[in-house]
């Protein structure tokens, strides 16, 4: 029989919810950054030169930005899931 203190359980629950909220906030930030980044992409394409190296540079910039956004989205979703796991374990689930 395990005896768990209510103060440590409520602290872990609060920490879990805070970590979850930070993860969700970061995910929303990623979506806003993605919208801003890819709304500027047509301006880069239209304002660039017609030379192939101009197209390649624009596509490279888009690919790098997309990759960074994917990494940020993965990290923020991982953070949110760990916050939920901490909340569930502190509540007695799992």
C-alpha atoms as a PDB file:
ATOM      1  CA  UNK A   1       0.000   0.000   0.000  1.00  0.00           C
ATOM      2  CA  UNK A   2       1.519   3.283  -1.030  1.00  0.00           C
ATOM      3  CA  UNK A   3       0.881   6.511   0.756  1.00  0.00           C
ATOM      4  CA  UNK A   4       1.087   9.550  -1.451  1.00  0.00           C
ATOM      5  CA  UNK A   5       1.011  13.069  -0.126  1.00  0.00           C
ATOM      6  CA  UNK A   6      -1.644  15.317  -1.515  1.00  0.00           C
ATOM      7  CA  UNK A   7       0.750  18.218  -1.797  1.00  0.00           C
ATOM      8  CA  UNK A   8       3.192  16.326  -4.036  1.00  0.00           C
ATOM      9  CA  UNK A   9       0.336  14.942  -6.137  1.00  0.00           C
ATOM     10  CA  UNK A  10      -1.237  18.326  -6.633  1.00  0.00           C
ATOM     11  CA  UNK A  11       2.176  19.836  -7.388  1.00  0.00           C
ATOM     12  CA  UNK A  12       2.838  17.195 -10.034  1.00  0.00           C
ATOM     13  CA  UNK A  13      -0.615  17.757 -11.505  1.00  0.00           C
ATOM     14  CA  UNK A  14       0.003  21.494 -11.651  1.00  0.00           C
ATOM     15  CA  UNK A  15       3.418  20.934 -13.236  1.00  0.00           C
ATOM     16  CA  UNK A  16       1.850  18.573 -15.770  1.00  0.00           C
ATOM     17  CA  UNK A  17      -0.783  21.121 -16.721  1.00  0.00           C
ATOM     18  CA  UNK A  18       1.811  23.904 -16.978  1.00  0.00           C
ATOM     19  CA  UNK A  19       4.043  21.776 -19.204  1.00  0.00           C
ATOM     20  CA  UNK A  20       1.020  20.837 -21.328  1.00  0.00           C
ATOM     21  CA  UNK A  21       0.015  24.505 -21.644  1.00  0.00           C
ATOM     22  CA  UNK A  22       3.566  25.470 -22.666  1.00  0.00           C
ATOM     23  CA  UNK A  23       3.546  22.718 -25.309  1.00  0.00           C
ATOM     24  CA  UNK A  24       0.208  23.885 -26.707  1.00  0.00           C
ATOM     25  CA  UNK A  25       1.384  27.523 -26.709  1.00  0.00           C
ATOM     26  CA  UNK A  26       4.521  26.534 -28.593  1.00  0.00           C
ATOM     27  CA  UNK A  27       2.444  24.573 -31.092  1.00  0.00           C
ATOM     28  CA  UNK A  28       0.248  27.614 -31.700  1.00  0.00           C
ATOM     29  CA  UNK A  29       3.401  29.687 -32.173  1.00  0.00           C
ATOM     30  CA  UNK A  30       4.612  27.189 -34.771  1.00  0.00           C
ATOM     31  CA  UNK A  31       1.322  27.474 -36.671  1.00  0.00           C
ATOM     32  CA  UNK A  32       1.542  31.277 -36.627  1.00  0.00           C
ATOM     33  CA  UNK A  33       5.158  31.171 -37.813  1.00  0.00           C
ATOM     34  CA  UNK A  34       4.196  28.722 -40.577  1.00  0.00           C
ATOM     35  CA  UNK A  35       1.391  30.985 -41.728  1.00  0.00           C
ATOM     36  CA  UNK A  36       3.704  34.004 -41.749  1.00  0.00           C
ATOM     37  CA  UNK A  37       6.511  32.125 -43.493  1.00  0.00           C
ATOM     38  CA  UNK A  38       4.443  30.617 -46.244  1.00  0.00           C
ATOM     39  CA  UNK A  39       2.406  33.754 -46.835  1.00  0.00           C
ATOM     40  CA  UNK A  40       5.698  35.505 -47.695  1.00  0.00           C
ATOM     41  CA  UNK A  41       6.755  32.724 -50.068  1.00  0.00           C
ATOM     42  CA  UNK A  42       4.779  34.000 -53.119  1.00  0.00           C
ATOM     43  CA  UNK A  43       6.464  37.397 -52.699  1.00  0.00           C
ATOM     44  CA  UNK A  44       9.864  35.708 -52.760  1.00  0.00           C
ATOM     45  CA  UNK A  45       8.953  33.741 -55.873  1.00  0.00           C
ATOM     46  CA  UNK A  46       7.407  36.720 -57.670  1.00  0.00           C
ATOM     47  CA  UNK A  47      10.145  39.155 -56.705  1.00  0.00           C
ATOM     48  CA  UNK A  48      13.022  36.862 -57.635  1.00  0.00           C
ATOM     49  CA  UNK A  49      14.873  36.687 -60.889  1.00  0.00           C
ATOM     50  CA  UNK A  50      13.930  34.230 -63.601  1.00  0.00           C
ATOM     51  CA  UNK A  51      17.333  32.540 -63.423  1.00  0.00           C
ATOM     52  CA  UNK A  52      17.394  28.928 -62.229  1.00  0.00           C
ATOM     53  CA  UNK A  53      19.641  29.770 -59.288  1.00  0.00           C
ATOM     54  CA  UNK A  54      16.975  32.193 -58.061  1.00  0.00           C
ATOM     55  CA  UNK A  55      14.358  29.460 -58.106  1.00  0.00           C
ATOM     56  CA  UNK A  56      16.715  27.038 -56.403  1.00  0.00           C
ATOM     57  CA  UNK A  57      17.508  29.530 -53.662  1.00  0.00           C
ATOM     58  CA  UNK A  58      13.813  30.225 -53.036  1.00  0.00           C
ATOM     59  CA  UNK A  59      13.049  26.497 -52.879  1.00  0.00           C
ATOM     60  CA  UNK A  60      16.017  25.953 -50.576  1.00  0.00           C
ATOM     61  CA  UNK A  61      14.806  28.674 -48.229  1.00  0.00           C
ATOM     62  CA  UNK A  62      11.303  27.178 -48.269  1.00  0.00           C
ATOM     63  CA  UNK A  63      12.647  23.682 -47.576  1.00  0.00           C
ATOM     64  CA  UNK A  64      14.828  24.852 -44.696  1.00  0.00           C
ATOM     65  CA  UNK A  65      11.979  26.858 -43.161  1.00  0.00           C
ATOM     66  CA  UNK A  66       9.620  23.910 -43.571  1.00  0.00           C
ATOM     67  CA  UNK A  67      12.121  21.565 -41.940  1.00  0.00           C
ATOM     68  CA  UNK A  68      12.617  23.899 -38.997  1.00  0.00           C
ATOM     69  CA  UNK A  69       8.862  24.255 -38.569  1.00  0.00           C
ATOM     70  CA  UNK A  70       8.489  20.460 -38.584  1.00  0.00           C
ATOM     71  CA  UNK A  71      11.132  20.112 -35.883  1.00  0.00           C
ATOM     72  CA  UNK A  72       9.507  22.831 -33.774  1.00  0.00           C
ATOM     73  CA  UNK A  73       6.079  21.216 -34.185  1.00  0.00           C
ATOM     74  CA  UNK A  74       7.478  17.824 -33.174  1.00  0.00           C
ATOM     75  CA  UNK A  75       9.192  19.220 -30.081  1.00  0.00           C
ATOM     76  CA  UNK A  76       6.112  21.166 -28.981  1.00  0.00           C
ATOM     77  CA  UNK A  77       3.823  18.152 -29.420  1.00  0.00           C
ATOM     78  CA  UNK A  78       6.311  15.996 -27.508  1.00  0.00           C
ATOM     79  CA  UNK A  79       6.342  18.555 -24.707  1.00  0.00           C
ATOM     80  CA  UNK A  80       2.540  18.665 -24.600  1.00  0.00           C
ATOM     81  CA  UNK A  81       2.300  14.869 -24.478  1.00  0.00           C
ATOM     82  CA  UNK A  82       4.845  14.648 -21.654  1.00  0.00           C
ATOM     83  CA  UNK A  83       2.819  17.207 -19.720  1.00  0.00           C
ATOM     84  CA  UNK A  84      -0.289  15.071 -20.147  1.00  0.00           C
ATOM     85  CA  UNK A  85       1.605  11.960 -19.079  1.00  0.00           C
ATOM     86  CA  UNK A  86       2.851  13.713 -15.940  1.00  0.00           C
ATOM     87  CA  UNK A  87      -0.683  14.863 -15.176  1.00  0.00           C
ATOM     88  CA  UNK A  88      -2.098  11.367 -15.702  1.00  0.00           C
ATOM     89  CA  UNK A  89       0.546   9.668 -13.547  1.00  0.00           C
ATOM     90  CA  UNK A  90       0.101  12.170 -10.739  1.00  0.00           C
ATOM     91  CA  UNK A  91      -3.633  11.635 -10.839  1.00  0.00           C
ATOM     92  CA  UNK A  92      -3.194   7.889 -10.460  1.00  0.00           C
ATOM     93  CA  UNK A  93      -3.827   6.845 -14.061  1.00  0.00           C
ATOM     94  CA  UNK A  94      -1.720   4.441 -16.098  1.00  0.00           C
END
